Amino acid sequence: MPIRPRHLILPLLLALPFCCISIHAQQANDLQQRMSSDEFKAAGLDKLSPQELANLDNWLNSHGKVTTKVVDSSGNPVFYTAKSERSKINAHIVGHFAGWHGHDQFTLDNGQIWKQVGSDAPSCANSDNPAAKVKPSIMGDWLMYVDGCNDSVHVERVR
């Protein structure tokens, strides 16, 4: 049984939107089309020559990998997203530790910086470079335990 041209019309009509989507996706790679006119001017891209703009488009298309850092609504970094596993951190406080005073910041030997939140201040012995443990607590909070202290305090990560 021969294929009649009218039998090809429906499949071709169904395939047509997919062709248009593909062409539109290729055209959307043009920086000027991806940005609003105001964004384009605010970035100073309207000052580029057509060749410079084409070079920039080519560079952006060939370097498409983007790494996005997670930040909260105020722009502060989020170190542990809800999906990531929070685990205990064992380290040492760098330098002299003279106890808790309310809102102190502590640099650990792994490079992390934590600050005390809240005013709970258990008694502690003064020491140099004491061992510290930072453990996850409920509701996304963290507790820091320092050798020589009789209790933990709530902390949050600064860096």
Protein backbone atom coordinates (compact mmCIF):
# COMPACT_ATOMS: atom_id res chain seq x y z
CA MET A 1 0.00 0.00 0.00
CA PRO A 2 1.61 3.28 -1.10
CA ILE A 3 1.95 6.21 1.35
CA ARG A 4 -0.22 9.07 0.26
CA PRO A 5 0.91 12.65 0.83
CA ARG A 6 -2.16 13.41 2.93
CA HIS A 7 -1.07 10.70 5.41
CA LEU A 8 2.17 12.61 6.00
CA ILE A 9 0.49 15.92 6.79
CA LEU A 10 -0.57 15.09 10.35
CA PRO A 11 2.87 13.77 11.49
CA LEU A 12 4.57 16.79 9.89
CA LEU A 13 2.18 19.19 11.61
CA LEU A 14 2.84 17.48 14.93
CA ALA A 15 6.63 17.70 14.44
CA LEU A 16 6.59 21.39 13.43
CA PRO A 17 6.39 22.83 17.00
CA PHE A 18 9.47 20.80 18.02
CA CYS A 19 11.45 22.29 15.14
CA CYS A 20 10.40 25.79 16.19
CA ILE A 21 11.39 25.13 19.81
CA SER A 22 14.83 23.97 18.68
CA ILE A 23 15.34 27.05 16.50
CA HIS A 24 14.11 29.33 19.31
CA ALA A 25 16.50 27.68 21.79
CA GLN A 26 19.42 28.28 19.44
CA GLN A 27 18.43 31.93 19.02
CA ALA A 28 18.00 32.37 22.79
CA ASN A 29 21.76 31.91 23.15
CA ASP A 30 22.21 35.46 21.83
CA LEU A 31 22.95 37.62 24.89
CA GLN A 32 20.96 40.59 23.59
CA GLN A 33 17.87 38.41 23.25
CA ARG A 34 18.31 36.83 26.68
CA MET A 35 18.41 40.20 28.45
CA SER A 36 15.89 42.98 28.58
CA SER A 37 16.84 46.21 26.85
CA ASP A 38 17.34 47.92 30.23
CA GLU A 39 19.54 45.09 31.54
CA PHE A 40 21.59 45.14 28.35
CA LYS A 41 22.21 48.90 28.65
CA ALA A 42 22.81 48.76 32.42
CA ALA A 43 25.56 46.20 31.84
CA GLY A 44 27.17 48.52 29.29
CA LEU A 45 26.85 45.93 26.55
CA ASP A 46 25.27 48.42 24.16
CA LYS A 47 28.74 50.03 23.86
CA LEU A 48 30.23 46.89 22.28
CA SER A 49 30.69 46.63 18.54
CA PRO A 50 28.72 43.86 16.79
CA GLN A 51 31.93 41.81 16.51
CA GLU A 52 32.75 42.28 20.22
CA LEU A 53 29.20 41.28 21.14
CA ALA A 54 29.45 38.19 18.89
CA ASN A 55 32.77 37.27 20.55
CA LEU A 56 31.17 37.62 23.99
CA ASP A 57 28.19 35.48 22.91
CA ASN A 58 30.56 32.80 21.58
CA TRP A 59 32.58 32.84 24.79
CA LEU A 60 29.45 32.56 26.97
CA ASN A 61 28.10 29.70 24.86
CA SER A 62 31.37 27.78 25.12
CA HIS A 63 31.67 28.42 28.88
CA GLY A 64 28.15 27.55 29.93
CA LYS A 65 29.00 25.94 33.26
CA VAL A 66 27.82 28.13 36.13
CA THR A 67 28.40 27.52 39.82
CA THR A 68 25.80 29.09 42.04
CA LYS A 69 26.39 29.61 45.72
CA VAL A 70 23.39 29.19 47.98
CA VAL A 71 22.47 32.30 49.95
CA ASP A 72 19.55 33.13 52.20
CA SER A 73 17.11 36.00 51.67
CA SER A 74 19.54 38.52 53.20
CA GLY A 75 22.41 37.41 50.95
CA ASN A 76 24.31 35.49 53.66
CA PRO A 77 25.86 32.17 52.62
CA VAL A 78 24.07 28.94 53.46
CA PHE A 79 26.68 26.34 54.29
CA TYR A 80 24.35 23.37 54.72
CA THR A 81 21.30 23.16 52.49
CA ALA A 82 18.31 21.26 53.78
CA LYS A 83 19.22 18.29 51.58
CA SER A 84 22.85 18.03 52.66
CA GLU A 85 23.97 15.82 55.49
CA ARG A 86 24.98 17.65 58.63
CA SER A 87 27.62 15.82 60.61
CA LYS A 88 29.73 16.41 63.69
CA ILE A 89 32.87 18.52 63.22
CA ASN A 90 35.96 17.82 65.31
CA ALA A 91 38.57 20.57 65.36
CA HIS A 92 40.55 22.91 67.64
CA ILE A 93 39.91 26.57 68.37
CA VAL A 94 42.80 28.65 67.04
CA GLY A 95 44.47 30.73 69.74
CA HIS A 96 43.44 31.50 73.30
CA PHE A 97 39.97 30.53 74.52
CA ALA A 98 38.71 32.48 77.55
CA GLY A 99 35.18 31.07 77.73
CA TRP A 100 31.84 32.23 76.40
CA HIS A 101 30.87 35.88 76.51
CA GLY A 102 27.64 36.05 74.53
CA HIS A 103 28.45 36.68 70.88
CA ASP A 104 32.10 35.68 70.42
CA GLN A 105 33.49 34.36 67.15
CA PHE A 106 35.78 31.35 67.06
CA THR A 107 38.11 30.30 64.25
CA LEU A 108 38.70 26.58 64.01
CA ASP A 109 41.86 24.99 62.68
CA ASN A 110 39.88 23.67 59.70
CA GLY A 111 39.27 27.27 58.54
CA GLN A 112 35.65 27.49 59.65
CA ILE A 113 34.48 30.45 61.72
CA TRP A 114 31.59 30.04 64.14
CA LYS A 115 29.94 32.58 66.43
CA GLN A 116 28.03 32.09 69.62
CA VAL A 117 24.34 32.89 69.42
CA GLY A 118 22.33 33.46 72.54
CA SER A 119 23.51 34.45 75.94
CA ASP A 120 23.90 31.05 77.55
CA ALA A 121 27.40 31.01 79.02
CA PRO A 122 28.54 27.89 80.86
CA SER A 123 31.67 28.13 82.95
CA CYS A 124 34.90 27.28 81.15
CA ALA A 125 38.57 27.05 81.90
CA ASN A 126 40.93 29.33 79.96
CA SER A 127 43.06 27.38 77.50
CA ASP A 128 45.08 27.64 74.30
CA ASN A 129 43.91 25.82 71.18
CA PRO A 130 41.34 23.62 72.96
CA ALA A 131 39.59 20.78 71.16
CA ALA A 132 36.09 21.66 70.01
CA LYS A 133 33.18 19.68 68.66
CA VAL A 134 30.37 21.23 66.65
CA LYS A 135 27.30 19.01 66.46
CA PRO A 136 24.02 19.42 64.61
CA SER A 137 21.06 20.10 66.83
CA ILE A 138 17.33 20.19 66.13
CA MET A 139 15.69 22.72 63.81
CA GLY A 140 18.93 23.34 61.89
CA ASP A 141 20.79 24.66 64.94
CA TRP A 142 24.34 23.75 65.97
CA LEU A 143 25.93 23.19 69.39
CA MET A 144 29.62 23.71 70.20
CA TYR A 145 31.37 21.76 72.92
CA VAL A 146 34.82 22.93 74.03
CA ASP A 147 37.17 20.92 76.24
CA GLY A 148 37.23 22.47 79.69
CA CYS A 149 33.63 23.75 79.53
CA ASN A 150 30.85 22.11 81.48
CA ASP A 151 28.18 22.56 78.77
CA SER A 152 27.59 23.45 75.13
CA VAL A 153 26.43 26.69 73.53
CA HIS A 154 24.41 27.39 70.39
CA VAL A 155 26.55 28.58 67.48
CA GLU A 156 26.08 29.49 63.83
CA ARG A 157 28.60 29.29 61.05
CA VAL A 158 29.99 32.57 59.75
CA ARG A 159 32.45 31.17 57.18
